[in-house]
Amino acid sequence: MPLGDRPGKSLPTAFQDWSNTKAAYRFFSNGNVSEDKILEGHFAASALRIKATDGPVLILQDTTEFSFKRASPEKIGFTKVSTGRKLKEGRYQKHAICGLLMHASLAITPEGLPLGLTAAKFWSRSKFKGTAALKRKINPTRVPIEQKESMRWLDNLRLSTELAGAPERCVHVGDRESDIYELYCLAEEIGTNFVVRSCVDRLAEDGTTTIAKVMAQVQSSGTHEVRFRDAQGKNHCAMLSVRHATMTVRPPIGKQRQYRHQALQIIHAEELNPPEGRSPIFWKLITNLPVATHADAVHKLEWYALRWKIETFFRTLKTGCRIEELRLATADRLANCIALCCVVAWRVTWLTMLSRETPVSDPAAVFTDEERHLLECATPDRKRHASYDLAFYVRAVSASAPGPPIPVRQGPEFSGIFYLLT
């Protein structure tokens, strides 16, 4: 076993003994194993869950970074260059961050229930040829989308739509990084929908004005109250003034011969009387869905607000599965392990929401007979109840660590019995 693959904390803790841990390391380093193959069954199960639901399906897209400390970081790759302390000569110390990036699409219902991943991509950036270096040399709007890292947004939109099998039901939701004109054109081409937070003041109408100038003349259609928690966990309430309009949006000047203009809906929601000490909320959304009334605009704002669900999924990966504590030495091995943990993180998120929304549901819809038996046996006598509802088994799962791993159900998501890490 290479030096970098000696057991750290996560895998040995999860697999309990050396024989199981060694088998896990062999699995992740197997040349016949890839993240695509690991997630293939999960994607198929996600498609089945999508088909079993009615109405629209929100497909959330976002990117996250995993950072690692390695003696040989070149075996994994680099995500970005970080600026450190200031040196005596006045320059700032810089160093490349060892790590991987993952771009994922997570399908949820409009009520927020996660249905599973529909696409995922793993990669690392070159140490010397990052996106920032490219922007200093070439106008990014002149570079074909196929040659840019941003292509991942289009790839995931296409793959997720194909997996769902119903383009008209899909609503792809993304943050400001997904404000890509080629994405709007692709959505039109395959007949699917999107709600994206805009960061570019694009040319509008006849090309002599911009979206911001047109929206400045639009009157407010009403207000909308949002409640949220900041990074410190403090609760906030904000009243937003909502404006919406339909207008012609044009592609960047350098791509107007390649792409045609589109009629899109613009929604601006700006906070009224923001408090001191906090940045005001100002959402600028762009969508190809109909927005004819104030209620329609609020509906799209509520859908965009659910984007935080994918942030919760990433947080589960990092804190629950402790991805950044892995000691695997190469990018391929790490990607394989992260892909497996993605299924675990989805199921943990799914179980958590189900237990909160319907704690007295029938646990047989979630856990197999074998799983329920193991959880009952692992629960101390003083904590057992006469009625074993869903909440009981979810609490049993959360309390089972650091005991023996709990096998999860075999099915299309798993080629064998993997373990539900807690």
Protein backbone atom coordinates (compact mmCIF):
# COMPACT_ATOMS: atom_id res chain seq x y z
CA MET A 1 0.00 0.00 0.00
CA PRO A 2 1.45 3.42 -0.93
CA LEU A 3 2.43 5.70 1.90
CA GLY A 4 -0.41 8.12 1.09
CA ASP A 5 -2.94 5.30 1.37
CA ARG A 6 -2.20 4.31 4.95
CA PRO A 7 -5.44 4.42 6.90
CA GLY A 8 -6.42 7.75 8.35
CA LYS A 9 -9.59 8.28 10.34
CA SER A 10 -12.65 7.89 8.10
CA LEU A 11 -12.36 4.49 6.40
CA PRO A 12 -10.91 2.51 9.35
CA THR A 13 -13.54 3.99 11.65
CA ALA A 14 -16.34 3.10 9.24
CA PHE A 15 -15.12 -0.43 8.44
CA GLN A 16 -14.03 -1.26 12.00
CA ASP A 17 -11.24 -3.82 11.31
CA TRP A 18 -8.20 -4.07 9.10
CA SER A 19 -9.58 -6.75 6.71
CA ASN A 20 -12.65 -4.66 5.86
CA THR A 21 -10.56 -1.50 5.57
CA LYS A 22 -8.07 -3.20 3.25
CA ALA A 23 -10.93 -4.45 1.08
CA ALA A 24 -12.26 -0.89 0.84
CA TYR A 25 -8.88 0.46 -0.25
CA ARG A 26 -8.61 -2.28 -2.88
CA PHE A 27 -12.08 -1.47 -4.14
CA PHE A 28 -11.37 2.26 -4.54
CA SER A 29 -8.03 1.59 -6.30
CA ASN A 30 -9.45 -1.03 -8.69
CA GLY A 31 -8.93 0.07 -12.28
CA ASN A 32 -12.32 -1.39 -13.27
CA VAL A 33 -14.11 0.85 -10.77
CA SER A 34 -15.03 4.44 -11.65
CA GLU A 35 -17.29 7.09 -10.17
CA ASP A 36 -19.64 6.71 -13.17
CA LYS A 37 -20.10 3.00 -12.52
CA ILE A 38 -20.56 3.54 -8.78
CA LEU A 39 -23.27 6.15 -9.34
CA GLU A 40 -24.94 4.37 -12.27
CA GLY A 41 -27.36 2.46 -10.05
CA HIS A 42 -28.14 5.54 -7.98
CA PHE A 43 -28.91 7.57 -11.11
CA ALA A 44 -31.27 4.81 -12.29
CA ALA A 45 -33.03 4.82 -8.92
CA SER A 46 -33.28 8.62 -9.04
CA ALA A 47 -35.01 8.32 -12.41
CA LEU A 48 -37.53 5.87 -10.93
CA ARG A 49 -38.25 8.22 -8.04
CA ILE A 50 -38.75 11.12 -10.47
CA LYS A 51 -41.21 9.06 -12.51
CA ALA A 52 -43.09 8.13 -9.35
CA THR A 53 -43.78 11.80 -8.55
CA ASP A 54 -46.22 14.20 -10.18
CA GLY A 55 -45.70 17.78 -11.27
CA PRO A 56 -42.46 19.70 -11.73
CA VAL A 57 -39.09 18.43 -10.53
CA LEU A 58 -36.47 20.95 -9.44
CA ILE A 59 -32.93 19.96 -10.46
CA LEU A 60 -30.40 21.91 -8.42
CA GLN A 61 -26.91 22.43 -9.85
CA ASP A 62 -23.82 23.56 -7.98
CA THR A 63 -20.09 23.01 -7.52
CA THR A 64 -18.15 22.24 -4.35
CA GLU A 65 -14.46 21.85 -3.54
CA PHE A 66 -12.73 19.19 -1.44
CA SER A 67 -9.32 20.16 -0.07
CA PHE A 68 -6.63 17.70 1.02
CA LYS A 69 -3.16 17.87 2.55
CA ARG A 70 -0.73 15.55 0.78
CA ALA A 71 3.02 15.05 0.53
CA SER A 72 2.54 14.46 -3.22
CA PRO A 73 -0.36 16.78 -4.15
CA GLU A 74 0.31 16.41 -7.88
CA LYS A 75 -1.25 12.92 -7.71
CA ILE A 76 -4.58 14.52 -6.91
CA GLY A 77 -4.42 17.94 -8.57
CA PHE A 78 -5.16 21.50 -7.57
CA THR A 79 -8.33 23.55 -7.24
CA LYS A 80 -7.06 27.12 -6.91
CA VAL A 81 -4.20 29.35 -5.81
CA SER A 82 -4.56 30.79 -2.32
CA THR A 83 -3.02 34.06 -1.11
CA GLY A 84 -1.31 33.81 2.26
CA ARG A 85 0.67 36.15 4.48
CA LYS A 86 2.58 39.18 3.23
CA LEU A 87 6.31 38.69 2.76
CA LYS A 88 9.05 41.14 3.73
CA GLU A 89 9.58 42.27 0.14
CA GLY A 90 5.92 43.32 -0.09
CA ARG A 91 4.63 40.38 -2.11
CA TYR A 92 2.01 37.99 -0.81
CA GLN A 93 2.83 34.35 -0.36
CA LYS A 94 0.83 32.13 -2.72
CA HIS A 95 0.35 28.40 -2.82
CA ALA A 96 -1.80 25.97 -4.79
CA ILE A 97 -4.58 24.16 -2.91
CA CYS A 98 -4.56 20.39 -3.37
CA GLY A 99 -8.05 19.05 -4.01
CA LEU A 100 -10.89 17.97 -6.24
CA LEU A 101 -14.00 19.72 -7.48
CA MET A 102 -17.39 18.11 -7.87
CA HIS A 103 -20.26 19.50 -9.90
CA ALA A 104 -23.54 17.79 -9.05
CA SER A 105 -27.21 17.95 -9.93
CA LEU A 106 -29.72 17.03 -7.22
CA ALA A 107 -33.39 16.42 -8.03
CA ILE A 108 -35.96 17.51 -5.43
CA THR A 109 -39.71 17.95 -5.31
CA PRO A 110 -41.18 21.48 -4.98
CA GLU A 111 -41.73 20.56 -1.30
CA GLY A 112 -37.99 20.01 -0.90
CA LEU A 113 -37.85 16.19 -0.71
CA PRO A 114 -34.56 15.01 -2.30
CA LEU A 115 -35.08 12.40 -5.01
CA GLY A 116 -31.40 11.72 -5.70
CA LEU A 117 -28.52 12.83 -7.86
CA THR A 118 -29.05 12.99 -11.61
CA ALA A 119 -25.51 13.89 -12.73
CA ALA A 120 -22.06 14.40 -11.21
CA LYS A 121 -18.65 15.37 -12.53
CA PHE A 122 -15.25 15.27 -10.75
CA TRP A 123 -12.10 17.09 -11.82
CA SER A 124 -9.09 19.12 -10.67
CA ARG A 125 -7.50 22.16 -12.23
CA SER A 126 -3.97 22.45 -13.58
CA LYS A 127 -1.60 24.23 -11.20
CA PHE A 128 -0.52 26.81 -13.76
CA LYS A 129 -3.43 27.01 -16.22
CA GLY A 130 -6.43 27.87 -14.11
CA THR A 131 -9.50 29.81 -15.08
CA ALA A 132 -8.15 33.07 -13.64
CA ALA A 133 -5.01 32.86 -15.78
CA LEU A 134 -7.11 32.28 -18.89
CA LYS A 135 -9.28 35.34 -18.17
CA ARG A 136 -6.21 37.58 -18.02
CA LYS A 137 -5.26 36.62 -21.57
CA ILE A 138 -8.57 36.17 -23.42
CA ASN A 139 -12.01 37.74 -23.15
CA PRO A 140 -14.05 34.82 -21.71
CA THR A 141 -17.08 35.70 -23.87
CA ARG A 142 -14.99 35.00 -27.00
CA VAL A 143 -13.98 31.50 -25.93
CA PRO A 144 -16.23 28.65 -27.18
CA ILE A 145 -18.18 27.14 -24.31
CA GLU A 146 -16.80 23.67 -25.16
CA GLN A 147 -13.30 24.88 -24.20
CA LYS A 148 -14.34 26.32 -20.84
CA GLU A 149 -14.87 24.80 -17.42
CA SER A 150 -18.39 26.25 -17.56
CA MET A 151 -19.33 23.47 -19.97
CA ARG A 152 -20.10 21.35 -16.88
CA TRP A 153 -23.35 23.30 -16.40
CA LEU A 154 -24.54 22.37 -19.89
CA ASP A 155 -23.40 18.75 -19.55
CA ASN A 156 -25.32 18.29 -16.30
CA LEU A 157 -28.42 19.97 -17.71
CA ARG A 158 -28.43 17.63 -20.70
CA LEU A 159 -27.66 14.47 -18.72
CA SER A 160 -30.21 15.26 -16.01
CA THR A 161 -32.94 16.02 -18.53
CA GLU A 162 -32.26 12.78 -20.41
CA LEU A 163 -32.31 10.82 -17.15
CA ALA A 164 -35.63 12.32 -16.03
CA GLY A 165 -37.18 11.42 -19.37
CA ALA A 166 -39.61 14.37 -19.22
CA PRO A 167 -37.91 17.64 -20.23
CA GLU A 168 -41.07 19.66 -19.72
CA ARG A 169 -41.23 18.66 -16.02
CA CYS A 170 -37.62 19.61 -15.23
CA VAL A 171 -36.73 23.03 -13.80
CA HIS A 172 -32.98 23.49 -13.57
CA VAL A 173 -32.03 25.86 -10.74
CA GLY A 174 -28.60 27.46 -10.50
CA ASP A 175 -26.73 30.29 -8.83
CA ARG A 176 -24.95 33.18 -10.53
CA GLU A 177 -22.24 30.94 -11.97
CA SER A 178 -24.88 29.26 -14.13
CA ASP A 179 -25.81 32.54 -15.86
CA ILE A 180 -24.58 31.24 -19.23
CA TYR A 181 -26.30 32.20 -22.47
CA GLU A 182 -25.45 28.85 -24.04
CA LEU A 183 -27.34 27.17 -21.20
CA TYR A 184 -30.48 29.13 -22.09
CA CYS A 185 -30.13 28.06 -25.71
CA LEU A 186 -29.60 24.41 -24.78
CA ALA A 187 -32.70 24.47 -22.56
CA GLU A 188 -34.73 25.83 -25.47
CA GLU A 189 -33.28 23.19 -27.80
CA ILE A 190 -34.21 20.21 -25.63
CA GLY A 191 -37.48 21.70 -24.36
CA THR A 192 -36.69 22.03 -20.66
CA ASN A 193 -36.91 24.86 -18.12
CA PHE A 194 -34.58 26.86 -15.89
CA VAL A 195 -34.54 29.41 -13.08
CA VAL A 196 -31.12 31.03 -12.77
CA ARG A 197 -29.78 33.84 -10.65
CA SER A 198 -28.31 36.37 -13.07
CA CYS A 199 -24.93 38.04 -12.68
CA VAL A 200 -24.56 39.55 -16.17
CA ASP A 201 -26.35 42.71 -17.29
CA ARG A 202 -27.14 41.38 -20.75
CA LEU A 203 -28.18 43.27 -23.85
CA ALA A 204 -31.96 43.48 -24.11
CA GLU A 205 -34.80 44.37 -26.48
CA ASP A 206 -33.34 45.84 -29.70
CA GLY A 207 -29.75 45.66 -28.40
CA THR A 208 -29.42 49.34 -27.49
CA THR A 209 -30.32 48.80 -23.83
CA THR A 210 -29.71 46.27 -21.06
CA ILE A 211 -31.78 44.21 -18.65
CA ALA A 212 -30.96 46.51 -15.74
CA LYS A 213 -32.09 49.63 -17.62
CA VAL A 214 -35.37 48.03 -18.63
CA MET A 215 -36.05 46.73 -15.12
CA ALA A 216 -35.36 50.17 -13.63
CA GLN A 217 -38.52 51.39 -15.39
CA VAL A 218 -40.69 48.49 -14.16
CA GLN A 219 -43.02 49.13 -11.22
CA SER A 220 -43.16 46.81 -8.24
CA SER A 221 -45.89 44.15 -8.44
CA GLY A 222 -45.94 43.65 -4.66
CA THR A 223 -43.85 42.36 -1.79
CA HIS A 224 -42.68 38.98 -0.59
CA GLU A 225 -41.38 38.03 2.87
CA VAL A 226 -38.49 35.63 3.26
CA ARG A 227 -37.06 34.09 6.43
CA PHE A 228 -33.52 32.79 6.58
CA ARG A 229 -30.51 32.15 8.81
CA ASP A 230 -27.12 33.74 8.26
CA ALA A 231 -23.74 32.03 8.47
CA GLN A 232 -23.77 32.42 12.26
CA GLY A 233 -27.15 30.70 12.55
CA LYS A 234 -29.06 33.87 13.44
CA ASN A 235 -32.65 34.09 12.18
CA HIS A 236 -33.60 36.96 9.87
CA CYS A 237 -36.76 38.17 8.19
CA ALA A 238 -36.61 40.33 5.07
CA MET A 239 -39.35 42.05 3.06
CA LEU A 240 -38.62 42.06 -0.66
CA SER A 241 -40.04 44.35 -3.31
CA VAL A 242 -40.76 42.26 -6.41
CA ARG A 243 -40.61 43.41 -10.02
CA HIS A 244 -41.00 41.21 -13.09
CA ALA A 245 -41.06 41.69 -16.85
CA THR A 246 -40.83 39.75 -20.11
CA MET A 247 -38.22 41.00 -22.52
CA THR A 248 -35.98 40.03 -25.41
CA VAL A 249 -32.56 38.97 -24.14
CA ARG A 250 -29.67 38.98 -26.60
CA PRO A 251 -26.43 36.94 -26.64
CA PRO A 252 -23.00 38.53 -26.07
CA ILE A 253 -21.75 40.63 -28.96
CA GLY A 254 -19.09 38.09 -29.89
CA LYS A 255 -21.67 35.28 -30.19
CA GLN A 256 -24.63 36.98 -31.84
CA ARG A 257 -24.01 35.20 -35.14
CA GLN A 258 -24.00 31.84 -33.41
CA TYR A 259 -26.98 32.20 -31.06
CA ARG A 260 -30.32 33.87 -31.55
CA HIS A 261 -32.09 36.16 -29.08
CA GLN A 262 -34.72 34.78 -26.69
CA ALA A 263 -37.86 36.01 -24.97
CA LEU A 264 -37.23 35.44 -21.25
CA GLN A 265 -38.78 36.47 -17.95
CA ILE A 266 -36.81 38.63 -15.53
CA ILE A 267 -37.58 38.80 -11.79
CA HIS A 268 -35.93 41.28 -9.42
CA ALA A 269 -36.51 40.97 -5.68
CA GLU A 270 -34.84 43.72 -3.62
CA GLU A 271 -34.94 44.02 0.16
CA LEU A 272 -36.79 47.00 1.62
CA ASN A 273 -35.15 48.79 4.57
CA PRO A 274 -32.24 46.37 5.11
CA PRO A 275 -30.71 46.45 8.60
CA GLU A 276 -27.22 47.74 9.29
CA GLY A 277 -24.44 45.20 9.50
CA ARG A 278 -25.90 42.86 6.85
CA SER A 279 -25.74 42.99 3.09
CA PRO A 280 -29.21 43.60 1.60
CA ILE A 281 -30.88 40.79 -0.31
CA PHE A 282 -31.16 41.44 -4.04
CA TRP A 283 -32.07 38.49 -6.22
CA LYS A 284 -32.02 38.89 -9.98
CA LEU A 285 -33.59 35.83 -11.57
CA ILE A 286 -33.97 34.90 -15.21
CA THR A 287 -36.25 32.09 -16.40
CA ASN A 288 -37.98 30.71 -19.46
CA LEU A 289 -41.07 29.77 -17.42
CA PRO A 290 -44.21 31.95 -17.68
CA VAL A 291 -44.33 34.85 -15.19
CA ALA A 292 -47.54 36.80 -15.83
CA THR A 293 -48.53 37.78 -12.28
CA HIS A 294 -47.02 38.66 -8.92
CA ALA A 295 -47.97 35.19 -7.68
CA ASP A 296 -46.01 33.63 -10.56
CA ALA A 297 -42.96 35.70 -9.65
CA VAL A 298 -43.18 34.71 -5.97
CA HIS A 299 -43.56 31.08 -7.01
CA LYS A 300 -40.23 31.22 -8.89
CA LEU A 301 -38.56 33.01 -5.97
CA GLU A 302 -39.66 30.20 -3.66
CA TRP A 303 -38.25 27.62 -6.07
CA TYR A 304 -34.93 29.44 -6.22
CA ALA A 305 -34.86 29.63 -2.40
CA LEU A 306 -34.80 25.81 -2.34
CA ARG A 307 -31.35 25.91 -3.95
CA TRP A 308 -29.85 25.75 -0.44
CA LYS A 309 -30.86 22.06 -0.41
CA ILE A 310 -27.81 21.18 -2.48
CA GLU A 311 -25.64 23.15 -0.06
CA THR A 312 -27.03 20.93 2.71
CA PHE A 313 -26.14 17.88 0.62
CA PHE A 314 -22.55 19.12 0.21
CA ARG A 315 -22.33 19.87 3.93
CA THR A 316 -23.45 16.32 4.70
CA LEU A 317 -20.67 15.02 2.45
CA LYS A 318 -18.02 17.14 4.16
CA THR A 319 -19.08 16.97 7.81
CA GLY A 320 -21.10 13.76 7.94
CA CYS A 321 -18.98 11.60 5.64
CA ARG A 322 -15.80 13.55 6.46
CA ILE A 323 -14.57 13.44 2.88
CA GLU A 324 -11.63 15.75 3.50
CA GLU A 325 -10.22 13.35 6.12
CA LEU A 326 -9.72 10.59 3.54
CA ARG A 327 -6.12 9.42 3.06
CA LEU A 328 -6.48 8.03 -0.45
CA ALA A 329 -3.51 9.18 -2.52
CA THR A 330 -4.81 9.69 -6.07
CA ALA A 331 -7.64 11.61 -7.70
CA ASP A 332 -9.26 8.45 -9.13
CA ARG A 333 -9.41 6.73 -5.74
CA LEU A 334 -10.79 9.82 -4.07
CA ALA A 335 -13.43 10.28 -6.78
CA ASN A 336 -14.54 6.66 -6.34
CA CYS A 337 -14.90 7.07 -2.59
CA ILE A 338 -16.69 10.42 -2.89
CA ALA A 339 -19.10 8.90 -5.42
CA LEU A 340 -19.99 6.15 -2.95
CA CYS A 341 -20.41 8.69 -0.16
CA CYS A 342 -22.73 10.72 -2.42
CA VAL A 343 -25.27 7.89 -2.18
CA VAL A 344 -24.83 7.84 1.59
CA ALA A 345 -25.19 11.63 1.85
CA TRP A 346 -28.35 11.57 -0.26
CA ARG A 347 -29.92 8.87 1.88
CA VAL A 348 -29.01 10.67 5.11
CA THR A 349 -30.57 13.88 3.75
CA TRP A 350 -33.65 11.99 2.58
CA LEU A 351 -34.10 10.20 5.91
CA THR A 352 -33.64 13.42 7.85
CA MET A 353 -36.36 15.24 5.93
CA LEU A 354 -38.77 12.31 6.03
CA SER A 355 -38.38 11.94 9.78
CA ARG A 356 -38.97 15.67 10.32
CA GLU A 357 -41.99 15.94 8.03
CA THR A 358 -43.67 12.59 8.76
CA PRO A 359 -42.10 11.07 11.93
CA VAL A 360 -44.92 8.55 12.39
CA SER A 361 -44.74 7.17 8.84
CA ASP A 362 -44.49 3.44 8.22
CA PRO A 363 -40.75 2.61 8.52
CA ALA A 364 -41.19 -0.33 6.12
CA ALA A 365 -41.29 2.20 3.30
CA VAL A 366 -37.72 3.23 4.18
CA PHE A 367 -35.98 0.33 5.94
CA THR A 368 -35.95 -3.36 5.05
CA ASP A 369 -36.90 -6.03 7.59
CA GLU A 370 -33.21 -6.85 8.11
CA GLU A 371 -32.32 -3.19 8.65
CA ARG A 372 -35.10 -2.69 11.19
CA HIS A 373 -34.07 -5.83 13.07
CA LEU A 374 -30.43 -4.71 13.27
CA LEU A 375 -31.43 -1.24 14.46
CA GLU A 376 -33.74 -2.65 17.11
CA CYS A 377 -30.99 -4.94 18.40
CA ALA A 378 -28.51 -2.06 18.46
CA THR A 379 -30.86 0.10 20.58
CA PRO A 380 -30.46 -0.12 24.38
CA ASP A 381 -33.47 -1.60 26.21
CA ARG A 382 -34.21 1.65 28.03
CA LYS A 383 -34.64 3.49 24.72
CA ARG A 384 -36.97 1.01 23.05
CA HIS A 385 -40.61 1.98 22.56
CA ALA A 386 -43.81 0.04 22.02
CA SER A 387 -44.36 1.76 18.67
CA TYR A 388 -41.44 1.60 16.29
CA ASP A 389 -42.18 4.52 13.99
CA LEU A 390 -39.91 6.12 11.40
CA ALA A 391 -38.48 8.60 13.91
CA PHE A 392 -37.37 5.73 16.15
CA TYR A 393 -35.33 4.03 13.42
CA VAL A 394 -33.77 7.29 12.23
CA ARG A 395 -32.67 8.03 15.81
CA ALA A 396 -31.30 4.49 16.02
CA VAL A 397 -29.23 5.07 12.88
CA SER A 398 -27.80 8.33 14.20
CA ALA A 399 -26.95 6.69 17.55
CA SER A 400 -25.37 3.56 16.07
CA ALA A 401 -21.90 5.08 15.48
CA PRO A 402 -19.23 4.04 16.22
CA GLY A 403 -20.69 0.53 16.33
CA PRO A 404 -20.62 -1.99 13.48
CA PRO A 405 -21.56 -0.70 10.03
CA ILE A 406 -25.24 -1.01 9.14
CA PRO A 407 -25.98 -2.72 5.80
CA VAL A 408 -28.42 -0.80 3.62
CA ARG A 409 -30.86 -2.36 1.22
CA GLN A 410 -29.67 -4.07 -1.94
CA GLY A 411 -31.24 -2.80 -5.11
CA PRO A 412 -30.60 -0.82 -8.28
CA GLU A 413 -28.53 1.76 -6.35
CA PHE A 414 -26.04 -0.78 -5.04
CA SER A 415 -24.12 -3.55 -6.76
CA GLY A 416 -23.57 -5.19 -3.34
CA ILE A 417 -24.12 -4.45 0.32
CA PHE A 418 -22.46 -1.16 1.13
CA TYR A 419 -22.67 0.60 4.46
CA LEU A 420 -24.70 3.48 5.81
CA LEU A 421 -22.02 5.63 7.45
CA THR A 422 -23.26 7.55 10.48
